[in-house]
Amino acid sequence: MMELARLFGLSRQRIQQLAVRPGFPEPLASLEMGKVWWLPQVLDWAIRTNRPVPGLSGHTVAAAPLGRRAVVGAAELARQFGVGRQRVQQIAAKPGFPRPAATLTMGRLWYADECRAWDRARKGGPATSKAAPSEESDPGTTT
């Protein structure tokens, strides 16, 4: 949310107010660390509503290529792995752990499917097994 506040030159509270209005894009994920939006959808909303985007003035903003894949933060990985968030940061620094999909002000995000595959491989299971459709679409979010 902090990134959107900077982009639009608004407070986080104002972004929270805009986010509940009809027409504002749905979050990509609602994680323990906060909601995460896909930048191209938010920019499309800004164009449709004629909202100025001062954060783009004179800059090229590259959106993290999150697409619509499920993402997780440190708190969600901590629950999945049965460890604390600090331990997740230590695990994430090890070679072989998936690279973050994005690094935001509120923390790093990883693709949920890559982390599940890494965890299966770590436990000696097949790293590339196909997830069930419901598991694939579950971003590990809290509402």
C-alpha atoms as a PDB file:
ATOM      1  CA  MET A   1       0.000   0.000   0.000  1.00  0.00           C
ATOM      2  CA  MET A   2       2.927   2.307   0.682  1.00  0.00           C
ATOM      3  CA  GLU A   3       4.054   1.983  -2.950  1.00  0.00           C
ATOM      4  CA  LEU A   4       0.595   3.062  -4.162  1.00  0.00           C
ATOM      5  CA  ALA A   5       0.585   5.991  -1.743  1.00  0.00           C
ATOM      6  CA  ARG A   6       3.925   7.179  -3.143  1.00  0.00           C
ATOM      7  CA  LEU A   7       2.834   6.605  -6.730  1.00  0.00           C
ATOM      8  CA  PHE A   8      -0.325   8.688  -6.336  1.00  0.00           C
ATOM      9  CA  GLY A   9       1.130  11.211  -3.881  1.00  0.00           C
ATOM     10  CA  LEU A  10      -1.507  10.279  -1.296  1.00  0.00           C
ATOM     11  CA  SER A  11      -1.541   8.966   2.252  1.00  0.00           C
ATOM     12  CA  ARG A  12      -1.953   5.267   2.992  1.00  0.00           C
ATOM     13  CA  GLN A  13      -5.268   6.079   4.621  1.00  0.00           C
ATOM     14  CA  ARG A  14      -6.514   7.714   1.403  1.00  0.00           C
ATOM     15  CA  ILE A  15      -5.409   4.663  -0.611  1.00  0.00           C
ATOM     16  CA  GLN A  16      -7.370   2.474   1.827  1.00  0.00           C
ATOM     17  CA  GLN A  17     -10.446   4.634   1.205  1.00  0.00           C
ATOM     18  CA  LEU A  18     -10.028   4.418  -2.570  1.00  0.00           C
ATOM     19  CA  ALA A  19      -9.452   0.660  -2.426  1.00  0.00           C
ATOM     20  CA  VAL A  20     -12.991   0.012  -1.133  1.00  0.00           C
ATOM     21  CA  ARG A  21     -14.683   2.097  -3.815  1.00  0.00           C
ATOM     22  CA  PRO A  22     -16.444   0.344  -6.679  1.00  0.00           C
ATOM     23  CA  GLY A  23     -14.187   0.014  -9.695  1.00  0.00           C
ATOM     24  CA  PHE A  24     -10.884  -0.081  -7.807  1.00  0.00           C
ATOM     25  CA  PRO A  25      -8.995  -3.278  -8.736  1.00  0.00           C
ATOM     26  CA  GLU A  26      -9.227  -6.258  -6.433  1.00  0.00           C
ATOM     27  CA  PRO A  27      -5.971  -7.021  -4.609  1.00  0.00           C
ATOM     28  CA  LEU A  28      -3.743  -9.688  -6.095  1.00  0.00           C
ATOM     29  CA  ALA A  29      -3.405 -11.022  -2.548  1.00  0.00           C
ATOM     30  CA  SER A  30      -4.342 -10.093   1.007  1.00  0.00           C
ATOM     31  CA  LEU A  31      -1.366 -11.200   3.048  1.00  0.00           C
ATOM     32  CA  GLU A  32      -0.623 -10.794   6.716  1.00  0.00           C
ATOM     33  CA  MET A  33       1.733  -7.944   5.780  1.00  0.00           C
ATOM     34  CA  GLY A  34      -1.056  -6.203   3.872  1.00  0.00           C
ATOM     35  CA  LYS A  35      -2.833  -6.132   0.539  1.00  0.00           C
ATOM     36  CA  VAL A  36      -0.908  -6.382  -2.711  1.00  0.00           C
ATOM     37  CA  TRP A  37      -2.183  -5.018  -6.017  1.00  0.00           C
ATOM     38  CA  TRP A  38      -0.998  -5.669  -9.558  1.00  0.00           C
ATOM     39  CA  LEU A  39       0.400  -2.352 -10.823  1.00  0.00           C
ATOM     40  CA  PRO A  40      -0.922  -2.588 -14.413  1.00  0.00           C
ATOM     41  CA  GLN A  41      -4.489  -2.960 -13.091  1.00  0.00           C
ATOM     42  CA  VAL A  42      -4.083   0.007 -10.744  1.00  0.00           C
ATOM     43  CA  LEU A  43      -2.666   2.165 -13.549  1.00  0.00           C
ATOM     44  CA  ASP A  44      -5.549   1.126 -15.818  1.00  0.00           C
ATOM     45  CA  TRP A  45      -7.959   2.212 -13.042  1.00  0.00           C
ATOM     46  CA  ALA A  46      -6.130   5.554 -12.769  1.00  0.00           C
ATOM     47  CA  ILE A  47      -6.486   6.141 -16.522  1.00  0.00           C
ATOM     48  CA  ARG A  48     -10.199   5.199 -16.515  1.00  0.00           C
ATOM     49  CA  THR A  49     -10.925   7.538 -13.596  1.00  0.00           C
ATOM     50  CA  ASN A  50      -8.671  10.385 -14.803  1.00  0.00           C
ATOM     51  CA  ARG A  51      -6.658  10.202 -11.591  1.00  0.00           C
ATOM     52  CA  PRO A  52      -3.242  11.885 -11.790  1.00  0.00           C
ATOM     53  CA  VAL A  53      -0.226   9.696 -11.090  1.00  0.00           C
ATOM     54  CA  PRO A  54       2.555  12.048  -9.935  1.00  0.00           C
ATOM     55  CA  GLY A  55       4.852   9.111  -9.220  1.00  0.00           C
ATOM     56  CA  LEU A  56       5.108   8.435 -12.953  1.00  0.00           C
ATOM     57  CA  SER A  57       6.177  11.947 -13.872  1.00  0.00           C
ATOM     58  CA  GLY A  58       9.464  11.656 -15.762  1.00  0.00           C
ATOM     59  CA  HIS A  59       9.956   8.035 -14.705  1.00  0.00           C
ATOM     60  CA  THR A  60       9.421   4.647 -16.221  1.00  0.00           C
ATOM     61  CA  VAL A  61       7.796   2.341 -13.719  1.00  0.00           C
ATOM     62  CA  ALA A  62       8.399  -1.350 -14.283  1.00  0.00           C
ATOM     63  CA  ALA A  63       5.777  -3.533 -12.700  1.00  0.00           C
ATOM     64  CA  ALA A  64       6.982  -6.703 -11.058  1.00  0.00           C
ATOM     65  CA  PRO A  65       5.827  -9.490 -13.368  1.00  0.00           C
ATOM     66  CA  LEU A  66       3.545 -11.054 -10.777  1.00  0.00           C
ATOM     67  CA  GLY A  67       0.737 -11.660 -13.227  1.00  0.00           C
ATOM     68  CA  ARG A  68      -2.099 -13.460 -11.490  1.00  0.00           C
ATOM     69  CA  ARG A  69       0.082 -16.079  -9.786  1.00  0.00           C
ATOM     70  CA  ALA A  70      -0.449 -16.571  -6.082  1.00  0.00           C
ATOM     71  CA  VAL A  71       2.117 -14.845  -3.895  1.00  0.00           C
ATOM     72  CA  VAL A  72       3.060 -15.285  -0.242  1.00  0.00           C
ATOM     73  CA  GLY A  73       4.957 -13.222   2.290  1.00  0.00           C
ATOM     74  CA  ALA A  74       7.197 -14.241   5.180  1.00  0.00           C
ATOM     75  CA  ALA A  75       4.290 -14.772   7.599  1.00  0.00           C
ATOM     76  CA  GLU A  76       2.528 -17.178   5.224  1.00  0.00           C
ATOM     77  CA  LEU A  77       5.774 -19.087   4.613  1.00  0.00           C
ATOM     78  CA  ALA A  78       6.418 -19.238   8.357  1.00  0.00           C
ATOM     79  CA  ARG A  79       3.056 -20.975   8.828  1.00  0.00           C
ATOM     80  CA  GLN A  80       3.700 -23.307   5.887  1.00  0.00           C
ATOM     81  CA  PHE A  81       7.173 -24.284   7.109  1.00  0.00           C
ATOM     82  CA  GLY A  82       6.283 -24.311  10.818  1.00  0.00           C
ATOM     83  CA  VAL A  83       8.953 -21.742  11.724  1.00  0.00           C
ATOM     84  CA  GLY A  84       9.112 -18.072  12.705  1.00  0.00           C
ATOM     85  CA  ARG A  85       9.306 -15.174  10.251  1.00  0.00           C
ATOM     86  CA  GLN A  86      12.941 -14.515  11.165  1.00  0.00           C
ATOM     87  CA  ARG A  87      13.784 -18.125  10.277  1.00  0.00           C
ATOM     88  CA  VAL A  88      12.001 -17.644   6.938  1.00  0.00           C
ATOM     89  CA  GLN A  89      14.371 -14.750   6.178  1.00  0.00           C
ATOM     90  CA  GLN A  90      17.345 -17.000   6.964  1.00  0.00           C
ATOM     91  CA  ILE A  91      15.956 -19.795   4.776  1.00  0.00           C
ATOM     92  CA  ALA A  92      15.251 -17.339   1.951  1.00  0.00           C
ATOM     93  CA  ALA A  93      18.902 -16.245   1.966  1.00  0.00           C
ATOM     94  CA  LYS A  94      20.118 -19.785   1.253  1.00  0.00           C
ATOM     95  CA  PRO A  95      21.137 -20.864  -2.240  1.00  0.00           C
ATOM     96  CA  GLY A  96      18.389 -22.771  -3.999  1.00  0.00           C
ATOM     97  CA  PHE A  97      15.480 -20.973  -2.358  1.00  0.00           C
ATOM     98  CA  PRO A  98      13.213 -19.294  -4.921  1.00  0.00           C
ATOM     99  CA  ARG A  99      14.034 -15.695  -5.763  1.00  0.00           C
ATOM    100  CA  PRO A 100      11.509 -13.125  -4.561  1.00  0.00           C
ATOM    101  CA  ALA A 101       8.823 -12.254  -7.099  1.00  0.00           C
ATOM    102  CA  ALA A 102       8.875  -8.689  -5.780  1.00  0.00           C
ATOM    103  CA  THR A 103      10.434  -6.637  -3.005  1.00  0.00           C
ATOM    104  CA  LEU A 104       8.057  -4.050  -1.583  1.00  0.00           C
ATOM    105  CA  THR A 105       8.332  -1.577   1.259  1.00  0.00           C
ATOM    106  CA  MET A 106       6.400  -4.006   3.454  1.00  0.00           C
ATOM    107  CA  GLY A 107       8.629  -6.969   2.589  1.00  0.00           C
ATOM    108  CA  ARG A 108       9.445  -9.583  -0.002  1.00  0.00           C
ATOM    109  CA  LEU A 109       6.903 -11.677  -1.887  1.00  0.00           C
ATOM    110  CA  TRP A 110       7.488 -15.103  -3.357  1.00  0.00           C
ATOM    111  CA  TYR A 111       5.452 -17.180  -5.784  1.00  0.00           C
ATOM    112  CA  ALA A 112       3.472 -19.672  -3.695  1.00  0.00           C
ATOM    113  CA  ASP A 113       3.880 -22.534  -6.199  1.00  0.00           C
ATOM    114  CA  GLU A 114       7.684 -22.139  -6.294  1.00  0.00           C
ATOM    115  CA  CYS A 115       7.875 -22.165  -2.485  1.00  0.00           C
ATOM    116  CA  ARG A 116       5.658 -25.267  -2.281  1.00  0.00           C
ATOM    117  CA  ALA A 117       7.902 -27.017  -4.834  1.00  0.00           C
ATOM    118  CA  TRP A 118      11.029 -26.008  -2.897  1.00  0.00           C
ATOM    119  CA  ASP A 119       9.472 -27.301   0.348  1.00  0.00           C
ATOM    120  CA  ARG A 120       8.499 -30.621  -1.287  1.00  0.00           C
ATOM    121  CA  ALA A 121      12.032 -31.041  -2.679  1.00  0.00           C
ATOM    122  CA  ARG A 122      13.509 -30.201   0.738  1.00  0.00           C
ATOM    123  CA  LYS A 123      11.371 -32.908   2.310  1.00  0.00           C
ATOM    124  CA  GLY A 124      12.448 -35.414  -0.336  1.00  0.00           C
ATOM    125  CA  GLY A 125       9.248 -35.314  -2.383  1.00  0.00           C
ATOM    126  CA  PRO A 126       8.880 -34.544  -6.066  1.00  0.00           C
ATOM    127  CA  ALA A 127       9.597 -30.862  -6.621  1.00  0.00           C
ATOM    128  CA  THR A 128       7.589 -30.604  -9.805  1.00  0.00           C
ATOM    129  CA  SER A 129       4.353 -32.398  -8.958  1.00  0.00           C
ATOM    130  CA  LYS A 130       1.247 -30.678 -10.277  1.00  0.00           C
ATOM    131  CA  ALA A 131      -0.871 -28.981  -7.658  1.00  0.00           C
ATOM    132  CA  ALA A 132      -4.595 -29.511  -7.541  1.00  0.00           C
ATOM    133  CA  PRO A 133      -6.539 -26.678  -9.230  1.00  0.00           C
ATOM    134  CA  SER A 134      -7.867 -25.387  -5.905  1.00  0.00           C
ATOM    135  CA  GLU A 135      -4.356 -25.369  -4.434  1.00  0.00           C
ATOM    136  CA  GLU A 136      -2.975 -23.561  -7.486  1.00  0.00           C
ATOM    137  CA  SER A 137      -5.521 -20.781  -7.250  1.00  0.00           C
ATOM    138  CA  ASP A 138      -5.210 -20.383  -3.473  1.00  0.00           C
ATOM    139  CA  PRO A 139      -2.862 -17.469  -2.840  1.00  0.00           C
ATOM    140  CA  GLY A 140      -2.547 -18.343   0.835  1.00  0.00           C
ATOM    141  CA  THR A 141      -4.366 -15.162   1.659  1.00  0.00           C
ATOM    142  CA  THR A 142      -6.198 -14.020   4.705  1.00  0.00           C
ATOM    143  CA  THR A 143      -9.368 -12.025   4.381  1.00  0.00           C
END
